[in-house]
Amino acid sequence: MELVAEDLQAFAVFAEHRNFTRAAEELHVSQPALHTRIRKLEARLGERLYVKQGRQLLLTGAGERLAAFANDAKDRAADFLRTLDNAPPRPLVLIAGSGAYLYLLGDQLRRYLTRGRELRLRTGDAGATLDAVRDGSADVGVTALGIPPDDLDCTLLVQVPQVLIVPKAHRLAQRRTVRLKDLQDEALVVPPKDRPHRQQLERSMLDQGIRWSVAVEAEGWELLVHFVRLGIGPAVVNGSVRTTAALRKIPVKDLPPVRYYVVSRPDRDERVEELMRMLT
């Protein structure tokens, strides 16, 4: 069995994006050609490298190991080339969700970049963030986690409550706190069904036997806030989400807080240590 460098490079890019269209664009090949290359790689290895779950492509255990190997090979090649031409080190890669970038990391990133450091930014949900840190395609991740994984170093960044946001004219707007039972028969603005925040909310509502309905599904905190401001319905969001003076934020007492962590591999170097110190 032989692993071809071009196949490893192609799979590393696919593993980074977990999306055939974006990976093919970066590699400057057609999407069918990339799909065929990875299918042949799976056949050669006798292992599934990814699976489809809903709208997402997830790496299998074999896929994560191959991505880590491919990224390690790429880094070793880059390190060797730097010994020849004294090229500067590659920029570090940070991956986080859009909410973390919007509401938690702005000041830290400005301070880091004003020191003249280069930093490549990627976006991803919790699963994509953990996968990218594990396989080496990202150096540091910031994401919300219920239970931090044992194989990565996870440092608590911030803990925020879950809050209900409503217009000032809403029946609950004058409450200092609410409980889920107060949302009986409400039509809520919620994320899509495959998002962890939506899934936790649905489980909590089901556990308490609360009837509710979907007013509209919205991708991203800013769009949720926008729909609430339009009066389409209230929404439960992370307490870090910024709203406007036209809306009230009310803590939900019987939902757990959301904990954001800075995540890295245990074998991180001094540059990664510096970035983590700046973030926390």
C-alpha atoms as a PDB file:
ATOM      1  CA  MET A   1       0.000   0.000   0.000  1.00  0.00           C
ATOM      2  CA  GLU A   2       1.311   3.451  -0.922  1.00  0.00           C
ATOM      3  CA  LEU A   3       0.096   6.845   0.248  1.00  0.00           C
ATOM      4  CA  VAL A   4       0.592   9.514  -2.394  1.00  0.00           C
ATOM      5  CA  ALA A   5       1.482  13.013  -1.189  1.00  0.00           C
ATOM      6  CA  GLU A   6      -1.192  14.589  -3.406  1.00  0.00           C
ATOM      7  CA  ASP A   7      -3.852  12.347  -1.865  1.00  0.00           C
ATOM      8  CA  LEU A   8      -2.739  13.310   1.634  1.00  0.00           C
ATOM      9  CA  GLN A   9      -2.826  16.999   0.730  1.00  0.00           C
ATOM     10  CA  ALA A  10      -6.295  16.654  -0.778  1.00  0.00           C
ATOM     11  CA  PHE A  11      -7.637  14.823   2.253  1.00  0.00           C
ATOM     12  CA  ALA A  12      -6.092  17.351   4.660  1.00  0.00           C
ATOM     13  CA  VAL A  13      -7.916  20.184   2.859  1.00  0.00           C
ATOM     14  CA  PHE A  14     -11.171  18.201   2.799  1.00  0.00           C
ATOM     15  CA  ALA A  15     -10.816  17.419   6.519  1.00  0.00           C
ATOM     16  CA  GLU A  16     -10.286  21.114   7.265  1.00  0.00           C
ATOM     17  CA  HIS A  17     -13.480  22.195   5.485  1.00  0.00           C
ATOM     18  CA  ARG A  18     -15.532  18.987   5.698  1.00  0.00           C
ATOM     19  CA  ASN A  19     -17.211  20.303   2.575  1.00  0.00           C
ATOM     20  CA  PHE A  20     -16.441  19.067  -0.949  1.00  0.00           C
ATOM     21  CA  THR A  21     -17.304  22.350  -2.654  1.00  0.00           C
ATOM     22  CA  ARG A  22     -15.007  24.552  -0.536  1.00  0.00           C
ATOM     23  CA  ALA A  23     -12.214  21.963  -0.487  1.00  0.00           C
ATOM     24  CA  ALA A  24     -12.344  21.589  -4.275  1.00  0.00           C
ATOM     25  CA  GLU A  25     -12.184  25.363  -4.692  1.00  0.00           C
ATOM     26  CA  GLU A  26      -9.074  25.578  -2.496  1.00  0.00           C
ATOM     27  CA  LEU A  27      -7.409  22.719  -4.366  1.00  0.00           C
ATOM     28  CA  HIS A  28      -8.436  24.139  -7.776  1.00  0.00           C
ATOM     29  CA  VAL A  29     -10.035  20.859  -8.859  1.00  0.00           C
ATOM     30  CA  SER A  30     -13.591  19.876  -9.679  1.00  0.00           C
ATOM     31  CA  GLN A  31     -15.837  18.581  -6.936  1.00  0.00           C
ATOM     32  CA  PRO A  32     -16.385  15.193  -8.691  1.00  0.00           C
ATOM     33  CA  ALA A  33     -12.612  14.787  -9.082  1.00  0.00           C
ATOM     34  CA  LEU A  34     -12.045  15.396  -5.373  1.00  0.00           C
ATOM     35  CA  HIS A  35     -14.886  13.044  -4.450  1.00  0.00           C
ATOM     36  CA  THR A  36     -13.365  10.322  -6.638  1.00  0.00           C
ATOM     37  CA  ARG A  37      -9.880  10.853  -5.167  1.00  0.00           C
ATOM     38  CA  ILE A  38     -11.148  10.453  -1.600  1.00  0.00           C
ATOM     39  CA  ARG A  39     -13.321   7.459  -2.528  1.00  0.00           C
ATOM     40  CA  LYS A  40     -10.251   5.758  -4.038  1.00  0.00           C
ATOM     41  CA  LEU A  41      -8.249   6.633  -0.923  1.00  0.00           C
ATOM     42  CA  GLU A  42     -10.922   4.940   1.207  1.00  0.00           C
ATOM     43  CA  ALA A  43     -10.785   1.870  -1.032  1.00  0.00           C
ATOM     44  CA  ARG A  44      -6.991   1.736  -0.809  1.00  0.00           C
ATOM     45  CA  LEU A  45      -7.068   1.970   2.984  1.00  0.00           C
ATOM     46  CA  GLY A  46     -10.109  -0.252   3.431  1.00  0.00           C
ATOM     47  CA  GLU A  47     -11.620   2.300   5.823  1.00  0.00           C
ATOM     48  CA  ARG A  48     -14.442   4.846   5.755  1.00  0.00           C
ATOM     49  CA  LEU A  49     -12.878   8.258   6.246  1.00  0.00           C
ATOM     50  CA  TYR A  50     -16.052  10.295   6.738  1.00  0.00           C
ATOM     51  CA  VAL A  51     -19.776   9.828   7.259  1.00  0.00           C
ATOM     52  CA  LYS A  52     -22.757  12.055   6.564  1.00  0.00           C
ATOM     53  CA  GLN A  53     -24.876  13.094   9.525  1.00  0.00           C
ATOM     54  CA  GLY A  54     -27.753  15.346   8.589  1.00  0.00           C
ATOM     55  CA  ARG A  55     -26.251  18.222   6.643  1.00  0.00           C
ATOM     56  CA  GLN A  56     -22.767  17.686   8.085  1.00  0.00           C
ATOM     57  CA  LEU A  57     -19.832  15.536   7.027  1.00  0.00           C
ATOM     58  CA  LEU A  58     -18.038  14.048  10.020  1.00  0.00           C
ATOM     59  CA  LEU A  59     -14.644  12.368  10.050  1.00  0.00           C
ATOM     60  CA  THR A  60     -14.498   8.795  11.272  1.00  0.00           C
ATOM     61  CA  GLY A  61     -11.796   7.652  13.667  1.00  0.00           C
ATOM     62  CA  ALA A  62      -9.690   6.558  10.697  1.00  0.00           C
ATOM     63  CA  GLY A  63     -10.376   9.893   9.007  1.00  0.00           C
ATOM     64  CA  GLU A  64      -9.218  11.861  12.058  1.00  0.00           C
ATOM     65  CA  ARG A  65      -6.016   9.811  12.258  1.00  0.00           C
ATOM     66  CA  LEU A  66      -5.315  10.255   8.547  1.00  0.00           C
ATOM     67  CA  ALA A  67      -5.969  14.008   8.744  1.00  0.00           C
ATOM     68  CA  ALA A  68      -3.597  14.288  11.709  1.00  0.00           C
ATOM     69  CA  PHE A  69      -0.952  12.315   9.798  1.00  0.00           C
ATOM     70  CA  ALA A  70      -1.427  14.449   6.674  1.00  0.00           C
ATOM     71  CA  ASN A  71      -1.157  17.699   8.623  1.00  0.00           C
ATOM     72  CA  ASP A  72       1.877  16.422  10.515  1.00  0.00           C
ATOM     73  CA  ALA A  73       3.553  15.520   7.221  1.00  0.00           C
ATOM     74  CA  LYS A  74       2.740  18.976   5.849  1.00  0.00           C
ATOM     75  CA  ASP A  75       4.144  20.689   8.944  1.00  0.00           C
ATOM     76  CA  ARG A  76       7.308  18.581   8.867  1.00  0.00           C
ATOM     77  CA  ALA A  77       7.831  19.447   5.212  1.00  0.00           C
ATOM     78  CA  ALA A  78       7.324  23.142   5.988  1.00  0.00           C
ATOM     79  CA  ASP A  79       9.752  22.925   8.910  1.00  0.00           C
ATOM     80  CA  PHE A  80      12.360  21.310   6.641  1.00  0.00           C
ATOM     81  CA  LEU A  81      11.919  24.009   3.997  1.00  0.00           C
ATOM     82  CA  ARG A  82      12.352  26.706   6.629  1.00  0.00           C
ATOM     83  CA  THR A  83      15.749  25.247   7.508  1.00  0.00           C
ATOM     84  CA  LEU A  84      16.746  25.837   3.898  1.00  0.00           C
ATOM     85  CA  ASP A  85      15.501  29.347   3.303  1.00  0.00           C
ATOM     86  CA  ASN A  86      14.895  30.752   6.812  1.00  0.00           C
ATOM     87  CA  ALA A  87      11.272  31.447   5.964  1.00  0.00           C
ATOM     88  CA  PRO A  88       9.113  32.832   8.812  1.00  0.00           C
ATOM     89  CA  PRO A  89       6.951  30.344  10.729  1.00  0.00           C
ATOM     90  CA  ARG A  90       3.458  29.688   9.416  1.00  0.00           C
ATOM     91  CA  PRO A  91       0.628  31.720  10.977  1.00  0.00           C
ATOM     92  CA  LEU A  92      -1.206  30.037  13.817  1.00  0.00           C
ATOM     93  CA  VAL A  93      -4.760  28.911  13.100  1.00  0.00           C
ATOM     94  CA  LEU A  94      -7.653  29.748  15.434  1.00  0.00           C
ATOM     95  CA  ILE A  95     -11.074  28.156  14.978  1.00  0.00           C
ATOM     96  CA  ALA A  96     -14.211  29.337  16.801  1.00  0.00           C
ATOM     97  CA  GLY A  97     -17.915  29.767  16.275  1.00  0.00           C
ATOM     98  CA  SER A  98     -19.405  32.980  14.939  1.00  0.00           C
ATOM     99  CA  GLY A  99     -20.844  33.809  18.378  1.00  0.00           C
ATOM    100  CA  ALA A 100     -17.420  33.551  20.033  1.00  0.00           C
ATOM    101  CA  TYR A 101     -15.896  35.864  17.417  1.00  0.00           C
ATOM    102  CA  LEU A 102     -18.771  38.349  17.667  1.00  0.00           C
ATOM    103  CA  TYR A 103     -19.174  38.563  21.429  1.00  0.00           C
ATOM    104  CA  LEU A 104     -16.144  37.104  23.248  1.00  0.00           C
ATOM    105  CA  LEU A 105     -12.888  37.396  21.328  1.00  0.00           C
ATOM    106  CA  GLY A 106     -12.788  40.853  19.733  1.00  0.00           C
ATOM    107  CA  ASP A 107     -10.546  42.621  22.258  1.00  0.00           C
ATOM    108  CA  GLN A 108      -8.189  39.654  22.649  1.00  0.00           C
ATOM    109  CA  LEU A 109      -7.720  39.292  18.898  1.00  0.00           C
ATOM    110  CA  ARG A 110      -7.022  43.009  18.489  1.00  0.00           C
ATOM    111  CA  ARG A 111      -4.332  42.876  21.186  1.00  0.00           C
ATOM    112  CA  TYR A 112      -2.724  39.813  19.617  1.00  0.00           C
ATOM    113  CA  LEU A 113      -2.698  41.275  16.109  1.00  0.00           C
ATOM    114  CA  THR A 114      -1.368  44.662  17.231  1.00  0.00           C
ATOM    115  CA  ARG A 115       1.732  42.827  18.439  1.00  0.00           C
ATOM    116  CA  GLY A 116       2.483  42.046  14.818  1.00  0.00           C
ATOM    117  CA  ARG A 117       1.469  38.399  15.066  1.00  0.00           C
ATOM    118  CA  GLU A 118      -0.075  36.646  12.089  1.00  0.00           C
ATOM    119  CA  LEU A 119      -3.225  34.643  12.736  1.00  0.00           C
ATOM    120  CA  ARG A 120      -5.458  32.684  10.384  1.00  0.00           C
ATOM    121  CA  LEU A 121      -9.110  32.540  11.458  1.00  0.00           C
ATOM    122  CA  ARG A 122     -11.595  29.773  10.746  1.00  0.00           C
ATOM    123  CA  THR A 123     -15.200  29.290  11.820  1.00  0.00           C
ATOM    124  CA  GLY A 124     -16.768  26.042  12.990  1.00  0.00           C
ATOM    125  CA  ASP A 125     -19.240  24.595  15.449  1.00  0.00           C
ATOM    126  CA  ALA A 126     -18.155  22.611  18.510  1.00  0.00           C
ATOM    127  CA  GLY A 127     -17.671  19.354  16.601  1.00  0.00           C
ATOM    128  CA  ALA A 128     -15.676  20.983  13.813  1.00  0.00           C
ATOM    129  CA  THR A 129     -13.571  22.891  16.351  1.00  0.00           C
ATOM    130  CA  LEU A 130     -12.595  19.787  18.302  1.00  0.00           C
ATOM    131  CA  ASP A 131     -11.894  17.853  15.085  1.00  0.00           C
ATOM    132  CA  ALA A 132      -9.671  20.635  13.725  1.00  0.00           C
ATOM    133  CA  VAL A 133      -7.616  20.885  16.924  1.00  0.00           C
ATOM    134  CA  ARG A 134      -7.259  17.106  17.111  1.00  0.00           C
ATOM    135  CA  ASP A 135      -6.140  16.674  13.501  1.00  0.00           C
ATOM    136  CA  GLY A 136      -3.754  19.633  13.612  1.00  0.00           C
ATOM    137  CA  SER A 137      -5.495  21.797  11.007  1.00  0.00           C
ATOM    138  CA  ALA A 138      -6.077  24.350  13.799  1.00  0.00           C
ATOM    139  CA  ASP A 139      -3.765  25.189  16.687  1.00  0.00           C
ATOM    140  CA  VAL A 140      -6.333  26.625  19.092  1.00  0.00           C
ATOM    141  CA  GLY A 141     -10.116  26.444  19.289  1.00  0.00           C
ATOM    142  CA  VAL A 142     -12.736  28.373  21.253  1.00  0.00           C
ATOM    143  CA  THR A 143     -16.111  26.707  21.680  1.00  0.00           C
ATOM    144  CA  ALA A 144     -18.951  26.011  24.073  1.00  0.00           C
ATOM    145  CA  LEU A 145     -18.735  22.560  25.642  1.00  0.00           C
ATOM    146  CA  GLY A 146     -20.916  20.593  27.989  1.00  0.00           C
ATOM    147  CA  ILE A 147     -18.235  18.114  29.081  1.00  0.00           C
ATOM    148  CA  PRO A 148     -14.656  18.916  27.954  1.00  0.00           C
ATOM    149  CA  PRO A 149     -12.918  15.986  26.219  1.00  0.00           C
ATOM    150  CA  ASP A 150     -10.123  14.167  28.028  1.00  0.00           C
ATOM    151  CA  ASP A 151      -7.700  14.111  25.091  1.00  0.00           C
ATOM    152  CA  LEU A 152      -7.404  17.906  24.725  1.00  0.00           C
ATOM    153  CA  ASP A 153      -6.380  20.693  27.094  1.00  0.00           C
ATOM    154  CA  CYS A 154      -9.478  22.792  27.810  1.00  0.00           C
ATOM    155  CA  THR A 155      -9.231  26.070  29.755  1.00  0.00           C
ATOM    156  CA  LEU A 156     -12.456  27.771  30.841  1.00  0.00           C
ATOM    157  CA  LEU A 157     -12.773  31.149  29.113  1.00  0.00           C
ATOM    158  CA  VAL A 158     -16.144  32.350  30.380  1.00  0.00           C
ATOM    159  CA  GLN A 159     -19.424  31.075  31.775  1.00  0.00           C
ATOM    160  CA  VAL A 160     -22.618  32.833  30.694  1.00  0.00           C
ATOM    161  CA  PRO A 161     -26.272  32.257  31.590  1.00  0.00           C
ATOM    162  CA  GLN A 162     -28.940  31.374  29.085  1.00  0.00           C
ATOM    163  CA  VAL A 163     -31.404  34.231  28.695  1.00  0.00           C
ATOM    164  CA  LEU A 164     -34.780  34.878  27.131  1.00  0.00           C
ATOM    165  CA  ILE A 165     -34.883  37.900  24.839  1.00  0.00           C
ATOM    166  CA  VAL A 166     -38.229  39.584  24.250  1.00  0.00           C
ATOM    167  CA  PRO A 167     -39.524  42.951  23.010  1.00  0.00           C
ATOM    168  CA  LYS A 168     -40.416  45.420  25.746  1.00  0.00           C
ATOM    169  CA  ALA A 169     -44.118  44.945  25.008  1.00  0.00           C
ATOM    170  CA  HIS A 170     -44.005  41.168  25.566  1.00  0.00           C
ATOM    171  CA  ARG A 171     -45.984  39.713  28.491  1.00  0.00           C
ATOM    172  CA  LEU A 172     -42.752  38.542  30.185  1.00  0.00           C
ATOM    173  CA  ALA A 173     -40.727  41.712  29.623  1.00  0.00           C
ATOM    174  CA  GLN A 174     -41.067  42.978  33.207  1.00  0.00           C
ATOM    175  CA  ARG A 175     -39.939  39.725  34.813  1.00  0.00           C
ATOM    176  CA  ARG A 176     -36.527  39.659  36.524  1.00  0.00           C
ATOM    177  CA  THR A 177     -36.152  35.933  35.819  1.00  0.00           C
ATOM    178  CA  VAL A 178     -38.210  33.294  34.034  1.00  0.00           C
ATOM    179  CA  ARG A 179     -38.533  29.531  34.070  1.00  0.00           C
ATOM    180  CA  LEU A 180     -39.208  27.279  31.108  1.00  0.00           C
ATOM    181  CA  LYS A 181     -42.810  26.780  32.243  1.00  0.00           C
ATOM    182  CA  ASP A 182     -43.349  30.486  31.544  1.00  0.00           C
ATOM    183  CA  LEU A 183     -42.838  29.699  27.842  1.00  0.00           C
ATOM    184  CA  GLN A 184     -45.861  27.374  27.688  1.00  0.00           C
ATOM    185  CA  ASP A 185     -47.568  27.699  24.267  1.00  0.00           C
ATOM    186  CA  GLU A 186     -45.026  30.278  23.030  1.00  0.00           C
ATOM    187  CA  ALA A 187     -43.860  30.304  19.414  1.00  0.00           C
ATOM    188  CA  LEU A 188     -40.077  30.691  19.647  1.00  0.00           C
ATOM    189  CA  VAL A 189     -37.333  31.841  17.307  1.00  0.00           C
ATOM    190  CA  VAL A 190     -34.829  28.972  17.382  1.00  0.00           C
ATOM    191  CA  PRO A 191     -31.689  27.700  15.606  1.00  0.00           C
ATOM    192  CA  PRO A 192     -31.990  24.771  13.135  1.00  0.00           C
ATOM    193  CA  LYS A 193     -32.696  21.329  14.583  1.00  0.00           C
ATOM    194  CA  ASP A 194     -29.119  20.066  14.207  1.00  0.00           C
ATOM    195  CA  ARG A 195     -27.647  22.814  16.425  1.00  0.00           C
ATOM    196  CA  PRO A 196     -26.668  21.833  19.996  1.00  0.00           C
ATOM    197  CA  HIS A 197     -28.411  24.881  21.492  1.00  0.00           C
ATOM    198  CA  ARG A 198     -31.706  23.890  19.855  1.00  0.00           C
ATOM    199  CA  GLN A 199     -31.324  20.254  20.864  1.00  0.00           C
ATOM    200  CA  GLN A 200     -30.691  21.124  24.517  1.00  0.00           C
ATOM    201  CA  LEU A 201     -33.670  23.484  24.579  1.00  0.00           C
ATOM    202  CA  GLU A 202     -35.938  20.846  23.056  1.00  0.00           C
ATOM    203  CA  ARG A 203     -34.793  18.226  25.585  1.00  0.00           C
ATOM    204  CA  SER A 204     -35.389  20.594  28.499  1.00  0.00           C
ATOM    205  CA  MET A 205     -38.863  21.527  27.234  1.00  0.00           C
ATOM    206  CA  LEU A 206     -39.732  17.869  26.704  1.00  0.00           C
ATOM    207  CA  ASP A 207     -38.503  16.901  30.175  1.00  0.00           C
ATOM    208  CA  GLN A 208     -40.863  19.446  31.732  1.00  0.00           C
ATOM    209  CA  GLY A 209     -43.783  18.640  29.431  1.00  0.00           C
ATOM    210  CA  ILE A 210     -43.930  22.160  28.015  1.00  0.00           C
ATOM    211  CA  ARG A 211     -45.856  22.799  24.807  1.00  0.00           C
ATOM    212  CA  TRP A 212     -44.228  25.207  22.402  1.00  0.00           C
ATOM    213  CA  SER A 213     -43.868  25.768  18.672  1.00  0.00           C
ATOM    214  CA  VAL A 214     -41.381  27.147  16.186  1.00  0.00           C
ATOM    215  CA  ALA A 215     -42.046  30.686  14.993  1.00  0.00           C
ATOM    216  CA  VAL A 216     -39.050  30.592  12.640  1.00  0.00           C
ATOM    217  CA  GLU A 217     -35.670  28.860  12.408  1.00  0.00           C
ATOM    218  CA  ALA A 218     -32.688  31.191  12.133  1.00  0.00           C
ATOM    219  CA  GLU A 219     -28.992  30.481  11.536  1.00  0.00           C
ATOM    220  CA  GLY A 220     -26.763  32.575  13.796  1.00  0.00           C
ATOM    221  CA  TRP A 221     -27.382  34.687  16.900  1.00  0.00           C
ATOM    222  CA  GLU A 222     -27.652  37.985  15.020  1.00  0.00           C
ATOM    223  CA  LEU A 223     -30.516  36.725  12.868  1.00  0.00           C
ATOM    224  CA  LEU A 224     -32.304  35.338  15.943  1.00  0.00           C
ATOM    225  CA  VAL A 225     -32.051  38.751  17.595  1.00  0.00           C
ATOM    226  CA  HIS A 226     -33.273  40.444  14.428  1.00  0.00           C
ATOM    227  CA  PHE A 227     -36.388  38.255  14.269  1.00  0.00           C
ATOM    228  CA  VAL A 228     -37.149  38.907  17.948  1.00  0.00           C
ATOM    229  CA  ARG A 229     -36.812  42.636  17.326  1.00  0.00           C
ATOM    230  CA  LEU A 230     -39.331  42.299  14.465  1.00  0.00           C
ATOM    231  CA  GLY A 231     -41.820  40.761  16.901  1.00  0.00           C
ATOM    232  CA  ILE A 232     -41.862  37.294  15.333  1.00  0.00           C
ATOM    233  CA  GLY A 233     -41.312  35.640  18.714  1.00  0.00           C
ATOM    234  CA  PRO A 234     -39.020  35.429  21.739  1.00  0.00           C
ATOM    235  CA  ALA A 235     -35.784  33.451  21.745  1.00  0.00           C
ATOM    236  CA  VAL A 236     -33.513  31.742  24.254  1.00  0.00           C
ATOM    237  CA  VAL A 237     -29.871  32.700  23.616  1.00  0.00           C
ATOM    238  CA  ASN A 238     -26.478  32.711  25.322  1.00  0.00           C
ATOM    239  CA  GLY A 239     -26.095  35.598  27.739  1.00  0.00           C
ATOM    240  CA  SER A 240     -23.070  36.883  25.806  1.00  0.00           C
ATOM    241  CA  VAL A 241     -25.244  37.736  22.787  1.00  0.00           C
ATOM    242  CA  ARG A 242     -25.605  41.501  22.341  1.00  0.00           C
ATOM    243  CA  THR A 243     -29.090  42.908  21.794  1.00  0.00           C
ATOM    244  CA  THR A 244     -30.590  46.392  21.420  1.00  0.00           C
ATOM    245  CA  ALA A 245     -32.328  48.801  23.777  1.00  0.00           C
ATOM    246  CA  ALA A 246     -35.652  47.653  22.299  1.00  0.00           C
ATOM    247  CA  LEU A 247     -35.246  44.183  23.790  1.00  0.00           C
ATOM    248  CA  ARG A 248     -35.103  42.754  27.313  1.00  0.00           C
ATOM    249  CA  LYS A 249     -32.710  39.967  28.399  1.00  0.00           C
ATOM    250  CA  ILE A 250     -34.132  37.823  31.181  1.00  0.00           C
ATOM    251  CA  PRO A 251     -32.168  34.956  32.786  1.00  0.00           C
ATOM    252  CA  VAL A 252     -33.778  31.509  32.456  1.00  0.00           C
ATOM    253  CA  LYS A 253     -33.353  29.984  35.919  1.00  0.00           C
ATOM    254  CA  ASP A 254     -33.763  26.312  35.007  1.00  0.00           C
ATOM    255  CA  LEU A 255     -31.359  26.158  32.070  1.00  0.00           C
ATOM    256  CA  PRO A 256     -27.661  25.446  32.745  1.00  0.00           C
ATOM    257  CA  PRO A 257     -25.022  28.095  32.014  1.00  0.00           C
ATOM    258  CA  VAL A 258     -23.031  27.933  28.804  1.00  0.00           C
ATOM    259  CA  ARG A 259     -19.300  27.404  29.290  1.00  0.00           C
ATOM    260  CA  TYR A 260     -16.818  28.477  26.620  1.00  0.00           C
ATOM    261  CA  TYR A 261     -13.391  26.850  26.600  1.00  0.00           C
ATOM    262  CA  VAL A 262     -10.066  27.549  24.911  1.00  0.00           C
ATOM    263  CA  VAL A 263      -8.944  24.207  23.480  1.00  0.00           C
ATOM    264  CA  SER A 264      -5.521  23.003  22.339  1.00  0.00           C
ATOM    265  CA  ARG A 265      -3.481  19.842  22.005  1.00  0.00           C
ATOM    266  CA  PRO A 266      -1.289  18.902  24.994  1.00  0.00           C
ATOM    267  CA  ASP A 267       1.886  19.055  22.855  1.00  0.00           C
ATOM    268  CA  ARG A 268       1.506  22.763  22.022  1.00  0.00           C
ATOM    269  CA  ASP A 269       4.561  24.975  21.496  1.00  0.00           C
ATOM    270  CA  GLU A 270       5.425  28.388  22.926  1.00  0.00           C
ATOM    271  CA  ARG A 271       3.648  30.318  20.160  1.00  0.00           C
ATOM    272  CA  VAL A 272       0.405  28.474  20.918  1.00  0.00           C
ATOM    273  CA  GLU A 273       0.950  29.089  24.634  1.00  0.00           C
ATOM    274  CA  GLU A 274       1.248  32.825  23.948  1.00  0.00           C
ATOM    275  CA  LEU A 275      -1.976  32.856  21.919  1.00  0.00           C
ATOM    276  CA  MET A 276      -3.833  30.966  24.653  1.00  0.00           C
ATOM    277  CA  ARG A 277      -2.606  33.427  27.293  1.00  0.00           C
ATOM    278  CA  MET A 278      -3.861  36.334  25.164  1.00  0.00           C
ATOM    279  CA  LEU A 279      -7.277  34.710  24.751  1.00  0.00           C
ATOM    280  CA  THR A 280      -7.771  33.911  28.416  1.00  0.00           C
END
